[in-house]
Amino acid sequence: MAEQGQGADNRHEIVRDGAEKIKGVFSTQTVAKVGTGTTQRKTIQKTYWDAEELDTGEISVQPLNRNYVPSGPKRSIPRDDFLTKFNPEPEFYVSTVYPAIKEMDSAIVRGEQHRERGAAYSAEFEYKQAMAIDEENVRANFGLGLTYLDRGDQAKANDIFERLVGLEAAFDAEHKHLFNDFGINMRKNRMYDQALQYYLRAEQLVQNDEHLYHNIARCYFEKGNVEGCRKYLLKSLEVNPNLEASLKFWAFLKDKGYVGKDEGPDVSAVKPDRRPKDDADAADGEKPAPAAPIKLD
């Protein structure tokens, strides 16, 4: 995904075959045959890539799309292969790639500002402008989806949900606050099936996250699936026995007779809520800390 707004103007300093790491825009060339018989000719096809050296020494490369912003899946290649096959393109970055990224990021920022002010239709316009440059941009997709949810437009929000579920980058740590907001707002819009599918997709990519398990339990509860709720709430408390929201949720289940009095952790000293609360309401606007990557729902 193209999320390179900050610090983009120094990325043209790219080849560092020494102490500093490789980072920047590069190109590869392939020779293709066009036509048949006597009319056959060879053409050179040039592909542009966004490249960054990883801590492992391999190079992560991501293709530029037709609008010349990084988009689509990344792959890693050995450093020696990269140095052999990829050519630096600092001038192309400065003249073409950076302006495209800047235009897209500016549209996203304007969209976020409009959404914060409650100007949903203006926000929608700006997010769509950004997605015209990169339809897989995670921030733009989340922003547009949240805008639709703000308006209660479940049909359009569902279209965005289906796209986001297929984007692994949507579940990266840098997008956790957007991920949280989208999941919470889907549930608030009674899109329980989508919210649950969304969180279960995250479970495939995030290991042992007590907050994610808590959110899954909440979705199961809203769907009336007490067994699913019980299972994931216990998983949450197994990872973190002191997670207050999950302890209160478990106390609520015991108080209402959904689970046995002697089942699970001892919550006799915990005052149960009248029903599970939105912890997001108590921590509105806060981004999750590294130790708590998924904000409680």
Protein backbone atom coordinates (compact mmCIF):
# COMPACT_ATOMS: atom_id res chain seq x y z
CA MET A 1 0.00 0.00 0.00
CA ALA A 2 1.09 3.53 -0.55
CA GLU A 3 1.31 5.05 2.91
CA GLN A 4 4.55 6.99 2.44
CA GLY A 5 3.37 10.54 3.08
CA GLN A 6 5.86 11.42 5.78
CA GLY A 7 9.48 11.67 4.76
CA ALA A 8 8.68 10.95 1.13
CA ASP A 9 10.83 13.79 -0.15
CA ASN A 10 14.08 12.12 0.94
CA ARG A 11 13.42 8.72 -0.62
CA HIS A 12 15.26 9.62 -3.85
CA GLU A 13 18.53 8.99 -2.01
CA ILE A 14 18.32 5.33 -2.81
CA VAL A 15 21.39 3.19 -3.45
CA ARG A 16 23.42 2.49 -0.34
CA ASP A 17 25.63 -0.50 -1.10
CA GLY A 18 27.35 -0.17 2.24
CA ALA A 19 26.41 0.72 5.79
CA GLU A 20 23.07 2.33 4.95
CA LYS A 21 20.12 0.35 3.67
CA ILE A 22 18.70 0.34 0.17
CA LYS A 23 15.48 2.30 -0.17
CA GLY A 24 13.74 3.99 -3.09
CA VAL A 25 12.27 3.51 -6.56
CA PHE A 26 13.91 1.05 -8.94
CA SER A 27 13.07 -0.48 -12.31
CA THR A 28 13.44 -3.79 -14.08
CA GLN A 29 13.36 -4.48 -17.80
CA THR A 30 12.06 -7.50 -19.67
CA VAL A 31 12.17 -8.25 -23.37
CA ALA A 32 8.89 -9.34 -24.93
CA LYS A 33 8.11 -10.54 -28.45
CA VAL A 34 5.24 -8.84 -30.25
CA GLY A 35 3.60 -10.16 -33.41
CA THR A 36 4.30 -13.32 -35.39
CA GLY A 37 6.36 -14.43 -38.36
CA THR A 38 8.08 -11.71 -40.35
CA THR A 39 6.28 -8.99 -38.41
CA GLN A 40 7.55 -10.21 -35.08
CA ARG A 41 9.60 -7.69 -33.13
CA LYS A 42 11.07 -7.34 -29.69
CA THR A 43 10.00 -4.68 -27.23
CA ILE A 44 11.47 -3.71 -23.89
CA GLN A 45 8.97 -3.51 -21.04
CA LYS A 46 9.95 -1.45 -18.01
CA THR A 47 8.43 -2.06 -14.58
CA TYR A 48 8.87 0.30 -11.64
CA TRP A 49 9.18 -0.89 -8.05
CA ASP A 50 9.27 0.59 -4.57
CA ALA A 51 12.12 -1.14 -2.74
CA GLU A 52 13.31 -1.24 0.85
CA GLU A 53 16.00 -3.35 2.48
CA LEU A 54 14.80 -5.43 5.41
CA ASP A 55 16.65 -6.24 8.62
CA THR A 56 17.22 -9.74 7.22
CA GLY A 57 19.26 -8.28 4.36
CA GLU A 58 16.63 -9.17 1.77
CA ILE A 59 14.94 -6.48 -0.28
CA SER A 60 11.18 -5.98 -0.10
CA VAL A 61 9.80 -4.85 -3.45
CA GLN A 62 6.30 -3.63 -4.30
CA PRO A 63 5.18 -2.71 -7.83
CA LEU A 64 4.04 0.77 -8.76
CA ASN A 65 0.55 0.86 -10.24
CA ARG A 66 -0.52 2.66 -13.41
CA ASN A 67 -0.63 5.93 -11.44
CA TYR A 68 2.93 5.33 -10.23
CA VAL A 69 2.27 4.79 -6.54
CA PRO A 70 3.29 1.61 -4.65
CA SER A 71 0.34 -0.77 -4.61
CA GLY A 72 -0.35 -4.48 -4.42
CA PRO A 73 1.47 -7.35 -2.73
CA LYS A 74 5.07 -7.09 -1.60
CA ARG A 75 7.68 -9.80 -2.06
CA SER A 76 11.21 -10.26 -0.77
CA ILE A 77 14.22 -11.11 -2.92
CA PRO A 78 17.87 -11.78 -2.06
CA ARG A 79 20.07 -8.69 -2.01
CA ASP A 80 22.47 -10.01 -4.65
CA ASP A 81 19.62 -10.72 -7.07
CA PHE A 82 18.22 -7.26 -6.45
CA LEU A 83 21.53 -5.53 -7.18
CA THR A 84 21.85 -7.54 -10.40
CA LYS A 85 18.36 -7.04 -11.81
CA PHE A 86 17.08 -3.70 -10.43
CA ASN A 87 18.18 -0.24 -11.56
CA PRO A 88 17.82 2.93 -9.45
CA GLU A 89 15.38 5.57 -10.70
CA PRO A 90 15.95 8.66 -8.50
CA GLU A 91 14.89 11.16 -11.18
CA PHE A 92 11.67 9.25 -11.91
CA TYR A 93 10.85 9.21 -8.21
CA VAL A 94 11.28 12.97 -7.89
CA SER A 95 9.44 13.87 -11.10
CA THR A 96 6.59 11.33 -11.06
CA VAL A 97 6.26 9.06 -8.01
CA TYR A 98 6.57 11.60 -5.21
CA PRO A 99 4.01 14.03 -6.72
CA ALA A 100 1.50 11.17 -7.14
CA ILE A 101 2.00 10.02 -3.54
CA LYS A 102 1.70 13.59 -2.28
CA GLU A 103 -1.54 14.13 -4.22
CA MET A 104 -3.03 10.93 -2.82
CA ASP A 105 -1.96 11.57 0.76
CA SER A 106 -3.29 15.13 0.61
CA ALA A 107 -6.69 13.85 -0.50
CA ILE A 108 -6.72 11.36 2.40
CA VAL A 109 -5.86 14.08 4.92
CA ARG A 110 -8.64 16.29 3.55
CA GLY A 111 -11.04 13.35 3.77
CA GLU A 112 -10.09 12.73 7.39
CA GLN A 113 -10.58 16.40 8.22
CA HIS A 114 -14.02 16.46 6.57
CA ARG A 115 -15.04 13.28 8.41
CA GLU A 116 -13.95 14.71 11.77
CA ARG A 117 -16.21 17.72 11.09
CA GLY A 118 -19.10 15.48 10.13
CA ALA A 119 -19.01 16.51 6.46
CA ALA A 120 -19.64 12.99 5.19
CA TYR A 121 -20.18 13.74 1.52
CA SER A 122 -17.07 15.92 1.26
CA ALA A 123 -15.11 13.18 3.02
CA GLU A 124 -16.47 10.60 0.58
CA PHE A 125 -15.35 12.74 -2.37
CA GLU A 126 -11.78 13.11 -1.06
CA TYR A 127 -11.40 9.43 -0.18
CA LYS A 128 -12.59 8.49 -3.66
CA GLN A 129 -10.06 10.91 -5.14
CA ALA A 130 -7.32 9.06 -3.26
CA MET A 131 -8.66 5.66 -4.31
CA ALA A 132 -8.66 6.76 -7.94
CA ILE A 133 -4.88 6.87 -7.56
CA ASP A 134 -4.62 3.65 -5.52
CA GLU A 135 -7.83 1.69 -5.03
CA GLU A 136 -6.08 -0.55 -2.48
CA ASN A 137 -4.87 2.27 -0.26
CA VAL A 138 -5.65 1.15 3.27
CA ARG A 139 -6.21 4.56 4.85
CA ALA A 140 -8.54 5.65 2.06
CA ASN A 141 -10.54 2.42 2.18
CA PHE A 142 -10.91 2.57 5.96
CA GLY A 143 -11.83 6.24 5.79
CA LEU A 144 -14.46 5.68 3.11
CA GLY A 145 -15.87 2.69 4.96
CA LEU A 146 -16.09 4.65 8.22
CA THR A 147 -17.78 7.50 6.37
CA TYR A 148 -20.44 5.12 5.07
CA LEU A 149 -20.90 3.68 8.55
CA ASP A 150 -21.26 7.19 9.98
CA ARG A 151 -24.11 7.71 7.51
CA GLY A 152 -25.63 4.31 8.28
CA ASP A 153 -25.15 3.21 4.66
CA GLN A 154 -24.64 -0.49 5.31
CA ALA A 155 -24.69 -1.57 1.65
CA LYS A 156 -21.77 0.66 0.66
CA ALA A 157 -19.95 -0.07 3.92
CA ASN A 158 -20.27 -3.77 3.17
CA ASP A 159 -18.59 -3.27 -0.22
CA ILE A 160 -15.62 -1.67 1.53
CA PHE A 161 -15.62 -4.41 4.18
CA GLU A 162 -15.33 -7.09 1.48
CA ARG A 163 -12.35 -5.30 -0.03
CA LEU A 164 -10.60 -4.77 3.30
CA VAL A 165 -10.95 -8.40 4.36
CA GLY A 166 -8.89 -9.32 1.30
CA LEU A 167 -6.10 -6.85 2.07
CA GLU A 168 -3.52 -8.23 4.50
CA ALA A 169 -2.08 -4.74 4.89
CA ALA A 170 -5.36 -3.65 6.49
CA PHE A 171 -4.35 -5.70 9.55
CA ASP A 172 -0.82 -4.28 9.85
CA ALA A 173 0.16 -2.65 13.14
CA GLU A 174 0.31 0.82 11.58
CA HIS A 175 -3.42 0.64 10.77
CA LYS A 176 -4.60 -0.80 14.10
CA HIS A 177 -6.58 2.29 15.17
CA LEU A 178 -8.43 2.33 11.83
CA PHE A 179 -8.99 -1.41 12.07
CA ASN A 180 -10.47 -0.98 15.55
CA ASP A 181 -12.75 1.87 14.58
CA PHE A 182 -14.07 0.02 11.55
CA GLY A 183 -14.84 -3.17 13.47
CA ILE A 184 -16.55 -1.28 16.30
CA ASN A 185 -18.63 0.80 13.91
CA MET A 186 -19.73 -2.27 11.96
CA ARG A 187 -21.01 -3.81 15.17
CA LYS A 188 -22.72 -0.59 16.20
CA ASN A 189 -24.48 -0.66 12.83
CA ARG A 190 -25.63 -4.21 13.69
CA MET A 191 -23.43 -5.69 10.96
CA TYR A 192 -22.60 -8.55 13.33
CA ASP A 193 -21.78 -11.17 10.70
CA GLN A 194 -19.38 -8.83 8.91
CA ALA A 195 -17.75 -7.66 12.14
CA LEU A 196 -17.21 -11.26 13.23
CA GLN A 197 -15.79 -12.27 9.85
CA TYR A 198 -13.53 -9.23 10.02
CA TYR A 199 -12.17 -10.12 13.46
CA LEU A 200 -11.77 -13.80 12.60
CA ARG A 201 -9.72 -12.75 9.57
CA ALA A 202 -7.52 -10.71 11.90
CA GLU A 203 -7.12 -13.77 14.13
CA GLN A 204 -5.38 -15.53 11.23
CA LEU A 205 -2.77 -12.75 11.10
CA VAL A 206 -2.41 -11.72 14.78
CA GLN A 207 -1.09 -14.14 17.37
CA ASN A 208 -2.46 -14.38 20.93
CA ASP A 209 -4.04 -10.94 21.19
CA GLU A 210 -6.29 -10.78 24.23
CA HIS A 211 -8.02 -7.64 22.98
CA LEU A 212 -8.90 -9.25 19.66
CA TYR A 213 -10.28 -12.29 21.48
CA HIS A 214 -12.38 -9.95 23.63
CA ASN A 215 -13.82 -8.28 20.53
CA ILE A 216 -14.64 -11.65 18.96
CA ALA A 217 -16.40 -12.68 22.19
CA ARG A 218 -18.43 -9.46 22.08
CA CYS A 219 -19.52 -10.17 18.49
CA TYR A 220 -20.58 -13.70 19.37
CA PHE A 221 -22.57 -12.35 22.31
CA GLU A 222 -24.40 -9.85 20.10
CA LYS A 223 -25.25 -12.70 17.72
CA GLY A 224 -26.68 -14.74 20.59
CA ASN A 225 -23.91 -17.35 20.42
CA VAL A 226 -23.06 -17.75 24.09
CA GLU A 227 -20.74 -20.72 23.51
CA GLY A 228 -18.65 -18.76 21.01
CA CYS A 229 -18.61 -15.81 23.39
CA ARG A 230 -17.53 -18.01 26.29
CA LYS A 231 -14.77 -19.67 24.24
CA TYR A 232 -13.12 -16.44 23.12
CA LEU A 233 -13.55 -14.66 26.42
CA LEU A 234 -11.68 -17.50 28.13
CA LYS A 235 -8.98 -17.24 25.43
CA SER A 236 -8.69 -13.53 26.20
CA LEU A 237 -8.30 -14.19 29.92
CA GLU A 238 -5.86 -17.03 29.28
CA VAL A 239 -3.55 -14.62 27.47
CA ASN A 240 -4.08 -11.83 30.02
CA PRO A 241 -5.80 -12.88 33.27
CA ASN A 242 -5.88 -9.26 34.44
CA LEU A 243 -7.64 -7.70 31.44
CA GLU A 244 -10.31 -5.63 33.19
CA ALA A 245 -12.81 -5.52 30.33
CA SER A 246 -12.76 -9.30 29.92
CA LEU A 247 -13.02 -9.86 33.67
CA LYS A 248 -16.08 -7.60 33.82
CA PHE A 249 -17.55 -9.36 30.78
CA TRP A 250 -17.02 -12.76 32.45
CA ALA A 251 -18.59 -11.43 35.66
CA PHE A 252 -21.56 -10.26 33.59
CA LEU A 253 -21.97 -13.72 32.03
CA LYS A 254 -21.86 -15.33 35.48
CA ASP A 255 -24.26 -12.81 36.95
CA LYS A 256 -26.79 -13.51 34.18
CA GLY A 257 -26.37 -17.27 34.42
CA TYR A 258 -24.80 -17.71 30.99
CA VAL A 259 -21.87 -19.65 32.51
CA GLY A 260 -21.54 -21.78 35.63
CA LYS A 261 -20.71 -20.10 38.93
CA ASP A 262 -17.58 -22.21 39.36
CA GLU A 263 -16.51 -21.98 35.71
CA GLY A 264 -13.52 -19.95 34.58
CA PRO A 265 -11.63 -17.38 36.63
CA ASP A 266 -12.77 -16.18 40.04
CA VAL A 267 -14.47 -12.83 39.49
CA SER A 268 -16.25 -12.64 42.83
CA ALA A 269 -14.49 -9.34 43.57
CA VAL A 270 -15.35 -7.89 40.15
CA LYS A 271 -18.47 -5.77 39.81
CA PRO A 272 -20.22 -6.84 36.61
CA ASP A 273 -21.56 -4.28 34.17
CA ARG A 274 -25.27 -4.32 33.46
CA ARG A 275 -24.21 -5.36 29.96
CA PRO A 276 -20.83 -5.39 28.19
CA LYS A 277 -19.74 -1.82 27.55
CA ASP A 278 -17.92 -0.23 24.66
CA ASP A 279 -14.45 0.28 26.04
CA ALA A 280 -13.84 2.47 22.99
CA ASP A 281 -16.16 5.03 24.59
CA ALA A 282 -13.82 5.28 27.56
CA ALA A 283 -10.70 5.55 25.41
CA ASP A 284 -12.13 7.54 22.54
CA GLY A 285 -9.51 8.71 20.11
CA GLU A 286 -6.65 6.83 21.71
CA LYS A 287 -4.44 4.70 19.57
CA PRO A 288 -3.57 1.33 21.10
CA ALA A 289 -0.20 0.97 22.73
CA PRO A 290 2.24 -1.67 21.40
CA ALA A 291 1.43 -3.91 24.36
CA ALA A 292 -2.28 -3.67 23.54
CA PRO A 293 -2.47 -3.64 19.74
CA ILE A 294 -6.22 -4.12 19.41
CA LYS A 295 -8.38 -1.52 21.14
CA LEU A 296 -11.15 -3.04 23.21
CA ASP A 297 -14.63 -2.93 21.75
